[in-house]
Every structure is written in structure tokens, then in C-alpha cells.
Amino acid sequence: MDKFFTVSFPGGKKVDANYEELTIHTDQPVKEGGEGSAPEPFTLFLASIATCAGIYALEFCNERGISTDGLALNMSAMQNDASKLFDRVVLKLTLPSGFPEKYKKAILKAVDLCTVKKHIMNPPR
């Protein structure tokens, strides 16, 4: 299925992406001349990695009837000083109390299936 986005420019440093019935707002920080009213596009990119991994963890638990109370995922992105590119991302998954031992390796494999990660590893042209 193809995805189609329309980009609009509502003013200042804001750039919005419209997809189906949704509008994804972006802005630049005040220090960059924006209003800081929405995340920067790159921040949304990083958040997409974390939220994609998160949905895989959530679905893993839901499919097995495992409580998600206490399930958490934190992500750190590290920037390379020389290249100024973010070249390392670390995800830390906190499992709910009483999470079954037999599923610990499996949930980590599930999180690793994130579609965003797959696209980073095999980028579109």
C-alpha cells in the first residue's frame, strides 16, 4: 500500500504533513527562529523509532494476555561529535512485574522487528 503525504506551510518555521485525516505538526525551536510549538522533524523521526519498538512490545503482551502495567520503554540517541550524526540508539525495555521468564528473550526479539528500524537498515531510494 502506497502512502501519500501533502506538506503545507502554515507560517513561520512550521511545516505540516497531512496524511489521510491526520495532520502532523512540526516547528523549529525558538533558538532556531521557530515558535517551539511542535517537535522538529528529526525529533519525530527519533520518536518514531521508540514508538515503533513500543507498539511491538505492547502487542507482544496483549497477544499473550500479559498485563502491561509497568511496561515502559526508554530510548537514548547518541550523537557522534565528529560527524554530528546520531549514530547510536539504545532502547531500554522495562518489563511489568511478574512478566513470565519464558518470554523475556522473545519480547526483545519482537521489539527488534520494528518496521522503522527495518527501513533504516534498508533505506528507501
C-alpha atoms as a PDB file:
ATOM      1  CA  MET A   1       0.000   0.000   0.000  1.00  0.00           C
ATOM      2  CA  ASP A   2       1.421   3.375  -1.006  1.00  0.00           C
ATOM      3  CA  LYS A   3       1.322   6.288   1.419  1.00  0.00           C
ATOM      4  CA  PHE A   4       0.672   9.816   0.250  1.00  0.00           C
ATOM      5  CA  PHE A   5       1.515  12.953   2.230  1.00  0.00           C
ATOM      6  CA  THR A   6       0.755  16.561   1.450  1.00  0.00           C
ATOM      7  CA  VAL A   7       3.062  19.119   3.036  1.00  0.00           C
ATOM      8  CA  SER A   8       1.771  22.552   3.995  1.00  0.00           C
ATOM      9  CA  PHE A   9       3.455  25.658   5.341  1.00  0.00           C
ATOM     10  CA  PRO A  10       1.201  27.328   7.937  1.00  0.00           C
ATOM     11  CA  GLY A  11       3.635  30.152   8.743  1.00  0.00           C
ATOM     12  CA  GLY A  12       6.914  30.905  10.400  1.00  0.00           C
ATOM     13  CA  LYS A  13       9.119  27.821  10.567  1.00  0.00           C
ATOM     14  CA  LYS A  14       6.160  25.444  10.791  1.00  0.00           C
ATOM     15  CA  VAL A  15       5.859  22.638   8.272  1.00  0.00           C
ATOM     16  CA  ASP A  16       2.944  20.216   8.497  1.00  0.00           C
ATOM     17  CA  ALA A  17       2.448  16.835   6.884  1.00  0.00           C
ATOM     18  CA  ASN A  18      -1.108  15.827   6.101  1.00  0.00           C
ATOM     19  CA  TYR A  19      -1.842  12.133   5.848  1.00  0.00           C
ATOM     20  CA  GLU A  20      -5.377  10.858   5.394  1.00  0.00           C
ATOM     21  CA  GLU A  21      -7.362  12.611   8.156  1.00  0.00           C
ATOM     22  CA  LEU A  22      -4.312  13.466  10.270  1.00  0.00           C
ATOM     23  CA  THR A  23      -2.051  16.492  10.412  1.00  0.00           C
ATOM     24  CA  ILE A  24       1.433  16.041  11.806  1.00  0.00           C
ATOM     25  CA  HIS A  25       2.705  19.395  13.015  1.00  0.00           C
ATOM     26  CA  THR A  26       6.376  20.376  13.144  1.00  0.00           C
ATOM     27  CA  ASP A  27       8.147  23.555  14.135  1.00  0.00           C
ATOM     28  CA  GLN A  28      11.659  24.685  14.921  1.00  0.00           C
ATOM     29  CA  PRO A  29      12.848  25.675  18.386  1.00  0.00           C
ATOM     30  CA  VAL A  30      12.782  29.337  19.377  1.00  0.00           C
ATOM     31  CA  LYS A  31      16.602  29.451  19.214  1.00  0.00           C
ATOM     32  CA  GLU A  32      16.319  28.437  15.527  1.00  0.00           C
ATOM     33  CA  GLY A  33      13.708  31.088  14.702  1.00  0.00           C
ATOM     34  CA  GLY A  34      10.618  28.961  15.261  1.00  0.00           C
ATOM     35  CA  GLU A  35       7.967  29.147  17.955  1.00  0.00           C
ATOM     36  CA  GLY A  36       8.770  25.785  19.541  1.00  0.00           C
ATOM     37  CA  SER A  37       5.096  24.864  19.193  1.00  0.00           C
ATOM     38  CA  ALA A  38       5.722  21.323  17.909  1.00  0.00           C
ATOM     39  CA  PRO A  39       8.605  18.865  17.613  1.00  0.00           C
ATOM     40  CA  GLU A  40      11.243  19.330  14.958  1.00  0.00           C
ATOM     41  CA  PRO A  41      11.020  16.821  12.082  1.00  0.00           C
ATOM     42  CA  PHE A  42      14.137  14.982  13.268  1.00  0.00           C
ATOM     43  CA  THR A  43      12.672  14.657  16.766  1.00  0.00           C
ATOM     44  CA  LEU A  44       9.632  12.986  15.195  1.00  0.00           C
ATOM     45  CA  PHE A  45      11.960  10.628  13.348  1.00  0.00           C
ATOM     46  CA  LEU A  46      13.665   9.605  16.591  1.00  0.00           C
ATOM     47  CA  ALA A  47      10.302   9.297  18.345  1.00  0.00           C
ATOM     48  CA  SER A  48       9.130   7.018  15.533  1.00  0.00           C
ATOM     49  CA  ILE A  49      11.895   4.549  16.416  1.00  0.00           C
ATOM     50  CA  ALA A  50      10.866   4.497  20.075  1.00  0.00           C
ATOM     51  CA  THR A  51       7.124   4.347  19.462  1.00  0.00           C
ATOM     52  CA  CYS A  52       7.502   1.649  16.804  1.00  0.00           C
ATOM     53  CA  ALA A  53       9.503  -0.508  19.210  1.00  0.00           C
ATOM     54  CA  GLY A  54       6.896   0.285  21.850  1.00  0.00           C
ATOM     55  CA  ILE A  55       3.964  -0.939  19.780  1.00  0.00           C
ATOM     56  CA  TYR A  56       5.768  -4.226  19.179  1.00  0.00           C
ATOM     57  CA  ALA A  57       6.267  -4.653  22.953  1.00  0.00           C
ATOM     58  CA  LEU A  58       2.648  -3.712  23.641  1.00  0.00           C
ATOM     59  CA  GLU A  59       1.266  -6.101  21.039  1.00  0.00           C
ATOM     60  CA  PHE A  60       3.521  -8.891  22.281  1.00  0.00           C
ATOM     61  CA  CYS A  61       1.994  -8.571  25.745  1.00  0.00           C
ATOM     62  CA  ASN A  62      -1.567  -8.092  24.506  1.00  0.00           C
ATOM     63  CA  GLU A  63      -1.418 -11.189  22.281  1.00  0.00           C
ATOM     64  CA  ARG A  64      -0.379 -13.287  25.265  1.00  0.00           C
ATOM     65  CA  GLY A  65      -2.707 -11.723  27.831  1.00  0.00           C
ATOM     66  CA  ILE A  66       0.226 -10.306  29.807  1.00  0.00           C
ATOM     67  CA  SER A  67      -0.516  -7.203  31.864  1.00  0.00           C
ATOM     68  CA  THR A  68       1.188  -4.056  30.600  1.00  0.00           C
ATOM     69  CA  ASP A  69       1.034  -2.291  33.970  1.00  0.00           C
ATOM     70  CA  GLY A  70       4.613  -1.188  34.493  1.00  0.00           C
ATOM     71  CA  LEU A  71       5.693  -1.816  30.886  1.00  0.00           C
ATOM     72  CA  ALA A  72       7.967   1.037  29.836  1.00  0.00           C
ATOM     73  CA  LEU A  73      10.409   1.796  27.068  1.00  0.00           C
ATOM     74  CA  ASN A  74      13.087   4.483  27.163  1.00  0.00           C
ATOM     75  CA  MET A  75      15.324   5.449  24.298  1.00  0.00           C
ATOM     76  CA  SER A  76      18.602   7.358  24.236  1.00  0.00           C
ATOM     77  CA  ALA A  77      20.066   8.672  20.995  1.00  0.00           C
ATOM     78  CA  MET A  78      23.762   9.483  20.956  1.00  0.00           C
ATOM     79  CA  GLN A  79      25.317  11.981  18.594  1.00  0.00           C
ATOM     80  CA  ASN A  80      28.774  11.463  17.128  1.00  0.00           C
ATOM     81  CA  ASP A  81      30.831  14.578  17.869  1.00  0.00           C
ATOM     82  CA  ALA A  82      32.845  14.313  14.638  1.00  0.00           C
ATOM     83  CA  SER A  83      30.040  13.641  12.153  1.00  0.00           C
ATOM     84  CA  LYS A  84      27.269  15.432  14.117  1.00  0.00           C
ATOM     85  CA  LEU A  85      25.018  12.494  13.190  1.00  0.00           C
ATOM     86  CA  PHE A  86      23.170  10.326  15.655  1.00  0.00           C
ATOM     87  CA  ASP A  87      24.929   7.008  15.211  1.00  0.00           C
ATOM     88  CA  ARG A  88      23.738   5.059  18.240  1.00  0.00           C
ATOM     89  CA  VAL A  89      20.322   4.400  19.694  1.00  0.00           C
ATOM     90  CA  VAL A  90      19.790   2.450  22.895  1.00  0.00           C
ATOM     91  CA  LEU A  91      16.382   1.125  23.889  1.00  0.00           C
ATOM     92  CA  LYS A  92      15.729   0.107  27.482  1.00  0.00           C
ATOM     93  CA  LEU A  93      12.631  -2.022  27.957  1.00  0.00           C
ATOM     94  CA  THR A  94      11.228  -2.294  31.476  1.00  0.00           C
ATOM     95  CA  LEU A  95       9.018  -5.328  31.848  1.00  0.00           C
ATOM     96  CA  PRO A  96       5.944  -5.470  34.073  1.00  0.00           C
ATOM     97  CA  SER A  97       6.212  -7.086  37.468  1.00  0.00           C
ATOM     98  CA  GLY A  98       5.622 -10.806  37.131  1.00  0.00           C
ATOM     99  CA  PHE A  99       6.478 -10.865  33.418  1.00  0.00           C
ATOM    100  CA  PRO A 100       6.958 -14.540  32.502  1.00  0.00           C
ATOM    101  CA  GLU A 101      10.627 -15.530  32.356  1.00  0.00           C
ATOM    102  CA  LYS A 102       9.957 -17.762  29.330  1.00  0.00           C
ATOM    103  CA  TYR A 103       9.023 -14.696  27.222  1.00  0.00           C
ATOM    104  CA  LYS A 104      11.919 -12.370  28.096  1.00  0.00           C
ATOM    105  CA  LYS A 105      14.080 -13.204  25.073  1.00  0.00           C
ATOM    106  CA  ALA A 106      11.044 -13.341  22.796  1.00  0.00           C
ATOM    107  CA  ILE A 107       9.799  -9.845  23.640  1.00  0.00           C
ATOM    108  CA  LEU A 108      13.259  -8.437  22.896  1.00  0.00           C
ATOM    109  CA  LYS A 109      13.181 -10.176  19.507  1.00  0.00           C
ATOM    110  CA  ALA A 110       9.702  -8.745  18.901  1.00  0.00           C
ATOM    111  CA  VAL A 111      10.855  -5.196  19.693  1.00  0.00           C
ATOM    112  CA  ASP A 112      13.757  -5.697  17.283  1.00  0.00           C
ATOM    113  CA  LEU A 113      11.231  -6.317  14.461  1.00  0.00           C
ATOM    114  CA  CYS A 114      10.267  -2.621  14.449  1.00  0.00           C
ATOM    115  CA  THR A 115       9.334  -1.510  10.935  1.00  0.00           C
ATOM    116  CA  VAL A 116      11.087   1.844  11.340  1.00  0.00           C
ATOM    117  CA  LYS A 117      14.341   0.054  12.169  1.00  0.00           C
ATOM    118  CA  LYS A 118      13.904  -2.192   9.133  1.00  0.00           C
ATOM    119  CA  HIS A 119      13.613   0.898   6.932  1.00  0.00           C
ATOM    120  CA  ILE A 120      16.714   2.449   8.460  1.00  0.00           C
ATOM    121  CA  MET A 121      18.637  -0.736   7.785  1.00  0.00           C
ATOM    122  CA  ASN A 122      17.323  -0.843   4.207  1.00  0.00           C
ATOM    123  CA  PRO A 123      16.590   2.818   3.341  1.00  0.00           C
ATOM    124  CA  PRO A 124      14.242   3.810   0.530  1.00  0.00           C
ATOM    125  CA  ARG A 125      15.697   5.383  -2.579  1.00  0.00           C
END
